[in-house]
Amino acid sequence: MSLFLLLGLLGMILFLWFKRPILDKQAENNKLVDKLSKATWFQSFWFAGLFLFCMNGVLFFLAGLGLFILGYFTIPFVHLLVMVLAVCVSIYLWISVNKAWQGTKSNRLKMSIIGSSFYLILTFIFAYLYITLEPTYPGEDIFMAAIGLFFAIIVTLTASITCFIITGFGKKKVANS
């Protein structure tokens, strides 16, 4: 499991390192980008940030629901497919929000802070649960629960940072020469 965690972190670092070519690959005539950029409510950093916050929440809930449902089946490694799919959909959403935003740089950062705070709040919740973790009965081994919460802290913190970087820093304008 730690190998998957390290590979995921390495993948996110590589994604952030090569963010510019990946952002440029997404077509400007994307339907989601087009709808968001034409929506008047999306031009307010509060509403755009709340939209991003809610979409992060919906995607997190759907991924959790998928993992919960798959918990009843004993097909090995299918949960990894659900997690990879959730990451890909989240990154697609974040790139679309990045492309659709047309406001100022400072408002973009405000929108990004509001939207990525969903995962930051989850990080604090998981950290609190980790710190206050106690056995429910004498002799209970809480090692696996602690490992799960530790991984949840790392994953949500990584998601928060990645969401902030992708949505908070817009594309650079290249002057025509």
N, C-alpha and C. Protein backbone atom coordinates (compact mmCIF):
# COMPACT_ATOMS: atom_id res chain seq x y z
N MET A 1 0.83 -1.20 0.00
CA MET A 1 0.00 0.00 0.00
C MET A 1 0.87 1.26 0.00
N SER A 2 1.97 1.19 0.71
CA SER A 2 2.83 2.37 0.73
C SER A 2 3.46 2.61 -0.63
N LEU A 3 3.67 1.53 -1.40
CA LEU A 3 4.18 1.69 -2.76
C LEU A 3 3.19 2.47 -3.62
N PHE A 4 1.90 2.15 -3.49
CA PHE A 4 0.88 2.89 -4.23
C PHE A 4 0.82 4.36 -3.80
N LEU A 5 0.99 4.58 -2.50
CA LEU A 5 1.00 5.95 -2.00
C LEU A 5 2.19 6.72 -2.57
N LEU A 6 3.35 6.11 -2.56
CA LEU A 6 4.53 6.77 -3.11
C LEU A 6 4.40 7.00 -4.62
N LEU A 7 3.84 6.01 -5.33
CA LEU A 7 3.64 6.19 -6.77
C LEU A 7 2.63 7.31 -7.04
N GLY A 8 1.59 7.39 -6.22
CA GLY A 8 0.61 8.47 -6.37
C GLY A 8 1.22 9.83 -6.12
N LEU A 9 2.02 9.93 -5.08
CA LEU A 9 2.70 11.20 -4.78
C LEU A 9 3.67 11.57 -5.89
N LEU A 10 4.41 10.59 -6.39
CA LEU A 10 5.33 10.84 -7.50
C LEU A 10 4.57 11.27 -8.75
N GLY A 11 3.42 10.62 -8.98
CA GLY A 11 2.59 11.01 -10.13
C GLY A 11 2.09 12.44 -10.02
N MET A 12 1.66 12.84 -8.83
CA MET A 12 1.19 14.21 -8.63
C MET A 12 2.32 15.22 -8.79
N ILE A 13 3.50 14.87 -8.28
CA ILE A 13 4.65 15.77 -8.44
C ILE A 13 5.00 15.93 -9.91
N LEU A 14 5.02 14.82 -10.64
CA LEU A 14 5.30 14.89 -12.08
C LEU A 14 4.22 15.66 -12.82
N PHE A 15 2.96 15.47 -12.42
CA PHE A 15 1.87 16.21 -13.05
C PHE A 15 2.05 17.70 -12.83
N LEU A 16 2.35 18.08 -11.60
CA LEU A 16 2.52 19.50 -11.30
C LEU A 16 3.75 20.07 -12.00
N TRP A 17 4.78 19.25 -12.16
CA TRP A 17 5.99 19.70 -12.84
C TRP A 17 5.71 19.97 -14.32
N PHE A 18 4.92 19.09 -14.94
CA PHE A 18 4.59 19.22 -16.36
C PHE A 18 3.16 19.73 -16.55
N LYS A 19 2.74 20.59 -15.65
CA LYS A 19 1.37 21.10 -15.67
C LYS A 19 1.06 21.90 -16.94
N ARG A 20 1.96 22.71 -17.36
CA ARG A 20 1.72 23.62 -18.49
C ARG A 20 1.37 22.85 -19.78
N PRO A 21 2.14 21.83 -20.20
CA PRO A 21 1.76 21.12 -21.43
C PRO A 21 0.43 20.38 -21.29
N ILE A 22 0.15 19.88 -20.09
CA ILE A 22 -1.11 19.17 -19.89
C ILE A 22 -2.28 20.14 -19.96
N LEU A 23 -2.14 21.32 -19.36
CA LEU A 23 -3.20 22.32 -19.42
C LEU A 23 -3.43 22.79 -20.86
N ASP A 24 -2.35 22.92 -21.61
CA ASP A 24 -2.47 23.38 -22.99
C ASP A 24 -3.10 22.34 -23.90
N LYS A 25 -3.03 21.06 -23.51
CA LYS A 25 -3.61 19.99 -24.33
C LYS A 25 -5.14 20.04 -24.34
N GLN A 26 -5.72 20.49 -23.24
CA GLN A 26 -7.18 20.51 -23.17
C GLN A 26 -7.71 21.57 -24.13
N ALA A 27 -8.61 21.16 -24.97
CA ALA A 27 -9.14 22.05 -26.00
C ALA A 27 -9.91 23.21 -25.38
N GLU A 28 -9.80 24.37 -26.00
CA GLU A 28 -10.53 25.54 -25.52
C GLU A 28 -12.03 25.41 -25.75
N ASN A 29 -12.44 24.59 -26.71
CA ASN A 29 -13.87 24.46 -27.02
C ASN A 29 -14.50 23.31 -26.24
N ASN A 30 -13.99 23.04 -25.06
CA ASN A 30 -14.55 22.04 -24.17
C ASN A 30 -15.93 22.50 -23.71
N LYS A 31 -16.91 21.59 -23.64
CA LYS A 31 -18.29 21.97 -23.27
C LYS A 31 -18.37 22.52 -21.85
N LEU A 32 -17.68 21.89 -20.92
CA LEU A 32 -17.73 22.36 -19.54
C LEU A 32 -17.07 23.73 -19.41
N VAL A 33 -15.93 23.90 -20.06
CA VAL A 33 -15.24 25.19 -20.03
C VAL A 33 -16.12 26.26 -20.66
N ASP A 34 -16.76 25.94 -21.75
CA ASP A 34 -17.63 26.89 -22.45
C ASP A 34 -18.82 27.30 -21.57
N LYS A 35 -19.46 26.32 -20.94
CA LYS A 35 -20.62 26.64 -20.08
C LYS A 35 -20.21 27.47 -18.87
N LEU A 36 -19.09 27.10 -18.25
CA LEU A 36 -18.65 27.84 -17.07
C LEU A 36 -18.21 29.25 -17.42
N SER A 37 -17.50 29.41 -18.52
CA SER A 37 -17.00 30.75 -18.87
C SER A 37 -18.13 31.68 -19.29
N LYS A 38 -19.25 31.14 -19.78
CA LYS A 38 -20.39 31.97 -20.18
C LYS A 38 -21.35 32.23 -19.03
N ALA A 39 -21.21 31.49 -17.94
CA ALA A 39 -22.11 31.68 -16.79
C ALA A 39 -21.72 32.95 -16.03
N THR A 40 -22.69 33.81 -15.79
CA THR A 40 -22.39 35.07 -15.10
C THR A 40 -22.01 34.83 -13.63
N TRP A 41 -22.61 33.83 -12.99
CA TRP A 41 -22.31 33.56 -11.59
C TRP A 41 -20.88 33.07 -11.42
N PHE A 42 -20.30 32.46 -12.44
CA PHE A 42 -18.96 31.91 -12.34
C PHE A 42 -17.89 33.00 -12.31
N GLN A 43 -18.24 34.21 -12.67
CA GLN A 43 -17.25 35.29 -12.69
C GLN A 43 -17.03 35.89 -11.30
N SER A 44 -17.85 35.51 -10.33
CA SER A 44 -17.63 35.90 -8.94
C SER A 44 -16.75 34.83 -8.28
N PHE A 45 -15.67 35.25 -7.62
CA PHE A 45 -14.78 34.27 -7.03
C PHE A 45 -15.45 33.48 -5.91
N TRP A 46 -16.45 34.11 -5.24
CA TRP A 46 -17.18 33.39 -4.19
C TRP A 46 -17.98 32.24 -4.77
N PHE A 47 -18.75 32.52 -5.81
CA PHE A 47 -19.59 31.48 -6.41
C PHE A 47 -18.75 30.43 -7.12
N ALA A 48 -17.71 30.86 -7.81
CA ALA A 48 -16.83 29.90 -8.49
C ALA A 48 -16.12 29.02 -7.46
N GLY A 49 -15.67 29.63 -6.36
CA GLY A 49 -15.02 28.87 -5.29
C GLY A 49 -15.97 27.90 -4.62
N LEU A 50 -17.22 28.35 -4.38
CA LEU A 50 -18.21 27.45 -3.79
C LEU A 50 -18.58 26.33 -4.76
N PHE A 51 -18.63 26.64 -6.05
CA PHE A 51 -18.87 25.60 -7.05
C PHE A 51 -17.75 24.56 -7.00
N LEU A 52 -16.50 25.01 -6.96
CA LEU A 52 -15.37 24.10 -6.89
C LEU A 52 -15.39 23.31 -5.58
N PHE A 53 -15.71 23.97 -4.47
CA PHE A 53 -15.82 23.31 -3.17
C PHE A 53 -16.87 22.21 -3.23
N CYS A 54 -18.05 22.53 -3.76
CA CYS A 54 -19.14 21.54 -3.84
C CYS A 54 -18.80 20.41 -4.80
N MET A 55 -18.18 20.73 -5.91
CA MET A 55 -17.81 19.67 -6.86
C MET A 55 -16.75 18.75 -6.25
N ASN A 56 -15.81 19.30 -5.51
CA ASN A 56 -14.84 18.46 -4.80
C ASN A 56 -15.55 17.55 -3.81
N GLY A 57 -16.55 18.10 -3.12
CA GLY A 57 -17.32 17.30 -2.18
C GLY A 57 -18.11 16.19 -2.86
N VAL A 58 -18.73 16.51 -3.98
CA VAL A 58 -19.51 15.51 -4.71
C VAL A 58 -18.59 14.40 -5.23
N LEU A 59 -17.46 14.79 -5.81
CA LEU A 59 -16.53 13.79 -6.32
C LEU A 59 -15.96 12.92 -5.20
N PHE A 60 -15.66 13.52 -4.06
CA PHE A 60 -15.16 12.75 -2.92
C PHE A 60 -16.24 11.79 -2.42
N PHE A 61 -17.48 12.27 -2.34
CA PHE A 61 -18.59 11.41 -1.90
C PHE A 61 -18.80 10.26 -2.86
N LEU A 62 -18.78 10.53 -4.17
CA LEU A 62 -18.99 9.47 -5.15
C LEU A 62 -17.86 8.43 -5.11
N ALA A 63 -16.63 8.90 -4.93
CA ALA A 63 -15.51 7.96 -4.83
C ALA A 63 -15.65 7.12 -3.56
N GLY A 64 -16.02 7.76 -2.46
CA GLY A 64 -16.24 7.02 -1.21
C GLY A 64 -17.38 6.03 -1.33
N LEU A 65 -18.45 6.44 -2.00
CA LEU A 65 -19.58 5.53 -2.22
C LEU A 65 -19.17 4.35 -3.09
N GLY A 66 -18.38 4.63 -4.12
CA GLY A 66 -17.89 3.55 -4.97
C GLY A 66 -17.02 2.57 -4.20
N LEU A 67 -16.16 3.10 -3.35
CA LEU A 67 -15.32 2.23 -2.53
C LEU A 67 -16.14 1.45 -1.51
N PHE A 68 -17.18 2.08 -0.97
CA PHE A 68 -18.05 1.41 -0.01
C PHE A 68 -18.81 0.27 -0.68
N ILE A 69 -19.34 0.53 -1.86
CA ILE A 69 -20.09 -0.51 -2.58
C ILE A 69 -19.15 -1.64 -2.98
N LEU A 70 -17.95 -1.30 -3.44
CA LEU A 70 -17.00 -2.34 -3.81
C LEU A 70 -16.49 -3.12 -2.61
N GLY A 71 -16.67 -2.57 -1.41
CA GLY A 71 -16.27 -3.28 -0.20
C GLY A 71 -17.04 -4.57 0.00
N TYR A 72 -18.23 -4.65 -0.57
CA TYR A 72 -19.04 -5.86 -0.45
C TYR A 72 -18.63 -6.93 -1.45
N PHE A 73 -17.86 -6.57 -2.45
CA PHE A 73 -17.38 -7.53 -3.43
C PHE A 73 -15.92 -7.84 -3.11
N THR A 74 -15.50 -9.02 -3.41
CA THR A 74 -14.13 -9.41 -3.09
C THR A 74 -13.25 -9.45 -4.33
N ILE A 75 -13.48 -8.55 -5.26
CA ILE A 75 -12.64 -8.47 -6.44
C ILE A 75 -11.39 -7.69 -6.06
N PRO A 76 -10.22 -8.30 -6.17
CA PRO A 76 -9.01 -7.59 -5.73
C PRO A 76 -8.62 -6.45 -6.66
N PHE A 77 -8.12 -5.40 -6.08
CA PHE A 77 -7.53 -4.25 -6.75
C PHE A 77 -8.52 -3.40 -7.56
N VAL A 78 -9.81 -3.67 -7.50
CA VAL A 78 -10.78 -2.84 -8.21
C VAL A 78 -10.89 -1.47 -7.53
N HIS A 79 -10.68 -1.43 -6.22
CA HIS A 79 -10.74 -0.16 -5.50
C HIS A 79 -9.66 0.80 -6.00
N LEU A 80 -8.53 0.25 -6.46
CA LEU A 80 -7.48 1.11 -7.02
C LEU A 80 -7.95 1.77 -8.31
N LEU A 81 -8.72 1.04 -9.09
CA LEU A 81 -9.28 1.60 -10.32
C LEU A 81 -10.25 2.74 -10.00
N VAL A 82 -11.06 2.57 -8.97
CA VAL A 82 -11.99 3.63 -8.55
C VAL A 82 -11.21 4.87 -8.11
N MET A 83 -10.14 4.68 -7.36
CA MET A 83 -9.35 5.82 -6.89
C MET A 83 -8.64 6.53 -8.04
N VAL A 84 -8.11 5.77 -8.99
CA VAL A 84 -7.45 6.39 -10.15
C VAL A 84 -8.48 7.15 -10.98
N LEU A 85 -9.66 6.58 -11.16
CA LEU A 85 -10.72 7.26 -11.90
C LEU A 85 -11.14 8.55 -11.19
N ALA A 86 -11.25 8.51 -9.87
CA ALA A 86 -11.61 9.71 -9.11
C ALA A 86 -10.56 10.80 -9.25
N VAL A 87 -9.30 10.42 -9.25
CA VAL A 87 -8.22 11.40 -9.42
C VAL A 87 -8.28 12.01 -10.81
N CYS A 88 -8.49 11.19 -11.82
CA CYS A 88 -8.54 11.70 -13.20
C CYS A 88 -9.72 12.64 -13.40
N VAL A 89 -10.88 12.30 -12.85
CA VAL A 89 -12.06 13.17 -12.98
C VAL A 89 -11.83 14.48 -12.23
N SER A 90 -11.22 14.41 -11.06
CA SER A 90 -10.94 15.62 -10.29
C SER A 90 -9.98 16.54 -11.04
N ILE A 91 -8.93 15.97 -11.59
CA ILE A 91 -7.96 16.79 -12.34
C ILE A 91 -8.62 17.40 -13.57
N TYR A 92 -9.48 16.64 -14.24
CA TYR A 92 -10.21 17.18 -15.39
C TYR A 92 -11.07 18.37 -14.98
N LEU A 93 -11.77 18.24 -13.85
CA LEU A 93 -12.60 19.34 -13.35
C LEU A 93 -11.74 20.54 -13.01
N TRP A 94 -10.62 20.34 -12.34
CA TRP A 94 -9.76 21.45 -11.94
C TRP A 94 -9.19 22.16 -13.16
N ILE A 95 -8.81 21.40 -14.17
CA ILE A 95 -8.29 22.01 -15.40
C ILE A 95 -9.38 22.81 -16.09
N SER A 96 -10.61 22.28 -16.09
CA SER A 96 -11.73 22.99 -16.71
C SER A 96 -12.02 24.30 -15.99
N VAL A 97 -11.98 24.28 -14.67
CA VAL A 97 -12.19 25.50 -13.90
C VAL A 97 -11.06 26.50 -14.20
N ASN A 98 -9.84 26.01 -14.30
CA ASN A 98 -8.71 26.87 -14.64
C ASN A 98 -8.92 27.53 -15.99
N LYS A 99 -9.34 26.76 -16.97
CA LYS A 99 -9.53 27.31 -18.32
C LYS A 99 -10.72 28.27 -18.38
N ALA A 100 -11.76 28.02 -17.58
CA ALA A 100 -12.97 28.82 -17.66
C ALA A 100 -12.86 30.15 -16.91
N TRP A 101 -11.96 30.26 -15.95
CA TRP A 101 -11.87 31.47 -15.14
C TRP A 101 -11.35 32.62 -15.97
N GLN A 102 -12.03 33.77 -15.85
CA GLN A 102 -11.65 34.94 -16.63
C GLN A 102 -11.39 36.18 -15.76
N GLY A 103 -11.37 36.00 -14.46
CA GLY A 103 -11.19 37.14 -13.57
C GLY A 103 -9.73 37.49 -13.34
N THR A 104 -9.51 38.32 -12.34
CA THR A 104 -8.16 38.78 -12.02
C THR A 104 -7.37 37.67 -11.33
N LYS A 105 -6.07 37.87 -11.25
CA LYS A 105 -5.20 36.88 -10.61
C LYS A 105 -5.51 36.74 -9.13
N SER A 106 -5.75 37.87 -8.46
CA SER A 106 -6.04 37.80 -7.03
C SER A 106 -7.38 37.10 -6.77
N ASN A 107 -8.37 37.37 -7.61
CA ASN A 107 -9.65 36.68 -7.45
C ASN A 107 -9.53 35.20 -7.80
N ARG A 108 -8.65 34.86 -8.75
CA ARG A 108 -8.41 33.46 -9.08
C ARG A 108 -7.85 32.73 -7.86
N LEU A 109 -6.90 33.38 -7.17
CA LEU A 109 -6.33 32.76 -5.97
C LEU A 109 -7.37 32.61 -4.87
N LYS A 110 -8.23 33.61 -4.71
CA LYS A 110 -9.30 33.51 -3.72
C LYS A 110 -10.25 32.37 -4.05
N MET A 111 -10.63 32.26 -5.33
CA MET A 111 -11.51 31.18 -5.78
C MET A 111 -10.85 29.83 -5.51
N SER A 112 -9.56 29.74 -5.77
CA SER A 112 -8.84 28.49 -5.59
C SER A 112 -8.73 28.11 -4.12
N ILE A 113 -8.51 29.10 -3.27
CA ILE A 113 -8.44 28.84 -1.82
C ILE A 113 -9.77 28.32 -1.31
N ILE A 114 -10.86 28.94 -1.76
CA ILE A 114 -12.19 28.50 -1.32
C ILE A 114 -12.46 27.08 -1.80
N GLY A 115 -12.16 26.80 -3.06
CA GLY A 115 -12.45 25.48 -3.62
C GLY A 115 -11.58 24.38 -3.05
N SER A 116 -10.30 24.64 -2.87
CA SER A 116 -9.40 23.59 -2.37
C SER A 116 -9.50 23.42 -0.86
N SER A 117 -10.19 24.34 -0.19
CA SER A 117 -10.32 24.22 1.26
C SER A 117 -11.15 23.00 1.66
N PHE A 118 -11.94 22.44 0.74
CA PHE A 118 -12.68 21.21 1.05
C PHE A 118 -11.71 20.12 1.50
N TYR A 119 -10.65 19.92 0.73
CA TYR A 119 -9.69 18.88 1.07
C TYR A 119 -8.84 19.27 2.27
N LEU A 120 -8.62 20.55 2.46
CA LEU A 120 -7.87 21.00 3.64
C LEU A 120 -8.69 20.75 4.91
N ILE A 121 -9.98 20.98 4.84
CA ILE A 121 -10.87 20.69 5.98
C ILE A 121 -10.85 19.20 6.28
N LEU A 122 -10.91 18.37 5.23
CA LEU A 122 -10.84 16.92 5.43
C LEU A 122 -9.50 16.52 6.05
N THR A 123 -8.42 17.18 5.65
CA THR A 123 -7.11 16.89 6.23
C THR A 123 -7.13 17.16 7.73
N PHE A 124 -7.71 18.29 8.13
CA PHE A 124 -7.80 18.60 9.56
C PHE A 124 -8.68 17.61 10.30
N ILE A 125 -9.78 17.18 9.68
CA ILE A 125 -10.66 16.20 10.31
C ILE A 125 -9.93 14.88 10.51
N PHE A 126 -9.24 14.41 9.46
CA PHE A 126 -8.50 13.15 9.58
C PHE A 126 -7.35 13.27 10.58
N ALA A 127 -6.71 14.43 10.64
CA ALA A 127 -5.63 14.63 11.62
C ALA A 127 -6.20 14.60 13.04
N TYR A 128 -7.35 15.21 13.24
CA TYR A 128 -7.99 15.17 14.56
C TYR A 128 -8.35 13.74 14.94
N LEU A 129 -8.93 12.99 13.99
CA LEU A 129 -9.27 11.59 14.27
C LEU A 129 -8.02 10.76 14.55
N TYR A 130 -6.94 11.07 13.87
CA TYR A 130 -5.67 10.36 14.09
C TYR A 130 -5.12 10.65 15.48
N ILE A 131 -5.17 11.91 15.87
CA ILE A 131 -4.62 12.31 17.17
C ILE A 131 -5.46 11.75 18.31
N THR A 132 -6.76 11.70 18.14
CA THR A 132 -7.65 11.25 19.21
C THR A 132 -8.03 9.77 19.10
N LEU A 133 -7.34 9.03 18.26
CA LEU A 133 -7.65 7.61 18.07
C LEU A 133 -7.34 6.81 19.32
N GLU A 134 -8.34 6.12 19.82
CA GLU A 134 -8.20 5.28 21.01
C GLU A 134 -8.92 3.96 20.76
N PRO A 135 -8.46 2.90 21.41
CA PRO A 135 -9.16 1.62 21.26
C PRO A 135 -10.56 1.68 21.87
N THR A 136 -11.50 0.99 21.24
CA THR A 136 -12.87 0.98 21.75
C THR A 136 -13.05 -0.04 22.86
N TYR A 137 -12.17 -1.03 22.94
CA TYR A 137 -12.21 -2.00 24.03
C TYR A 137 -10.76 -2.35 24.39
N PRO A 138 -10.53 -2.82 25.59
CA PRO A 138 -9.16 -3.13 26.02
C PRO A 138 -8.52 -4.20 25.12
N GLY A 139 -7.31 -3.92 24.69
CA GLY A 139 -6.58 -4.88 23.87
C GLY A 139 -6.81 -4.74 22.38
N GLU A 140 -7.64 -3.78 21.97
CA GLU A 140 -7.89 -3.59 20.54
C GLU A 140 -6.64 -3.02 19.87
N ASP A 141 -6.29 -3.58 18.72
CA ASP A 141 -5.15 -3.10 17.96
C ASP A 141 -5.65 -2.02 17.00
N ILE A 142 -5.15 -0.79 17.18
CA ILE A 142 -5.60 0.33 16.35
C ILE A 142 -4.58 0.69 15.28
N PHE A 143 -3.61 -0.19 15.06
CA PHE A 143 -2.54 0.11 14.11
C PHE A 143 -3.09 0.33 12.71
N MET A 144 -3.96 -0.54 12.23
CA MET A 144 -4.48 -0.41 10.87
C MET A 144 -5.36 0.84 10.73
N ALA A 145 -6.10 1.17 11.76
CA ALA A 145 -6.90 2.40 11.73
C ALA A 145 -5.99 3.62 11.66
N ALA A 146 -4.89 3.58 12.41
CA ALA A 146 -3.94 4.69 12.38
C ALA A 146 -3.29 4.81 11.01
N ILE A 147 -2.92 3.69 10.40
CA ILE A 147 -2.32 3.72 9.06
C ILE A 147 -3.33 4.27 8.06
N GLY A 148 -4.58 3.84 8.14
CA GLY A 148 -5.61 4.34 7.23
C GLY A 148 -5.81 5.84 7.37
N LEU A 149 -5.85 6.34 8.59
CA LEU A 149 -6.00 7.78 8.81
C LEU A 149 -4.76 8.54 8.34
N PHE A 150 -3.59 7.96 8.53
CA PHE A 150 -2.36 8.60 8.07
C PHE A 150 -2.37 8.72 6.54
N PHE A 151 -2.76 7.66 5.86
CA PHE A 151 -2.86 7.71 4.40
C PHE A 151 -3.93 8.72 3.96
N ALA A 152 -5.04 8.78 4.69
CA ALA A 152 -6.09 9.74 4.36
C ALA A 152 -5.59 11.17 4.51
N ILE A 153 -4.77 11.43 5.52
CA ILE A 153 -4.19 12.76 5.70
C ILE A 153 -3.30 13.10 4.51
N ILE A 154 -2.47 12.18 4.11
CA ILE A 154 -1.56 12.43 2.99
C ILE A 154 -2.33 12.65 1.70
N VAL A 155 -3.34 11.82 1.44
CA VAL A 155 -4.10 11.93 0.20
C VAL A 155 -4.89 13.24 0.14
N THR A 156 -5.56 13.61 1.22
CA THR A 156 -6.35 14.84 1.20
C THR A 156 -5.47 16.09 1.16
N LEU A 157 -4.32 16.05 1.83
CA LEU A 157 -3.40 17.18 1.76
C LEU A 157 -2.85 17.33 0.35
N THR A 158 -2.50 16.22 -0.28
CA THR A 158 -2.02 16.25 -1.66
C THR A 158 -3.10 16.77 -2.60
N ALA A 159 -4.34 16.33 -2.40
CA ALA A 159 -5.44 16.80 -3.24
C ALA A 159 -5.66 18.30 -3.05
N SER A 160 -5.56 18.78 -1.83
CA SER A 160 -5.74 20.21 -1.57
C SER A 160 -4.66 21.03 -2.26
N ILE A 161 -3.42 20.62 -2.13
CA ILE A 161 -2.32 21.35 -2.76
C ILE A 161 -2.43 21.30 -4.27
N THR A 162 -2.75 20.13 -4.81
CA THR A 162 -2.87 19.99 -6.27
C THR A 162 -4.02 20.82 -6.81
N CYS A 163 -5.16 20.80 -6.14
CA CYS A 163 -6.31 21.61 -6.56
C CYS A 163 -5.95 23.08 -6.53
N PHE A 164 -5.27 23.51 -5.48
CA PHE A 164 -4.88 24.92 -5.37
C PHE A 164 -3.93 25.32 -6.49
N ILE A 165 -2.96 24.49 -6.78
CA ILE A 165 -1.97 24.83 -7.81
C ILE A 165 -2.61 24.85 -9.19
N ILE A 166 -3.44 23.85 -9.48
CA ILE A 166 -4.04 23.78 -10.82
C ILE A 166 -5.02 24.92 -11.04
N THR A 167 -5.88 25.18 -10.08
CA THR A 167 -6.91 26.21 -10.27
C THR A 167 -6.42 27.60 -9.93
N GLY A 168 -5.40 27.71 -9.10
CA GLY A 168 -4.98 29.02 -8.62
C GLY A 168 -4.01 29.75 -9.49
N PHE A 169 -3.35 29.05 -10.35
CA PHE A 169 -2.36 29.70 -11.19
C PHE A 169 -2.75 29.51 -12.63
N GLY A 170 -3.14 30.61 -13.27
CA GLY A 170 -3.65 30.57 -14.63
C GLY A 170 -2.58 30.40 -15.67
N LYS A 171 -3.06 30.26 -16.87
CA LYS A 171 -2.14 30.09 -18.00
C LYS A 171 -1.43 31.40 -18.26
N LYS A 172 -0.20 31.31 -18.66
CA LYS A 172 0.58 32.50 -18.97
C LYS A 172 0.20 32.98 -20.37
N LYS A 173 0.06 34.26 -20.47
CA LYS A 173 -0.26 34.85 -21.76
C LYS A 173 1.03 34.99 -22.57
N VAL A 174 1.00 34.45 -23.76
CA VAL A 174 2.17 34.55 -24.64
C VAL A 174 1.90 35.64 -25.66
N ALA A 175 2.78 36.61 -25.73
CA ALA A 175 2.60 37.72 -26.66
C ALA A 175 2.94 37.26 -28.09
N ASN A 176 2.13 37.67 -29.01
CA ASN A 176 2.40 37.35 -30.41
C ASN A 176 3.51 38.24 -30.92
N SER A 177 4.52 37.61 -31.54
CA SER A 177 5.64 38.41 -32.03
C SER A 177 5.63 38.52 -33.51
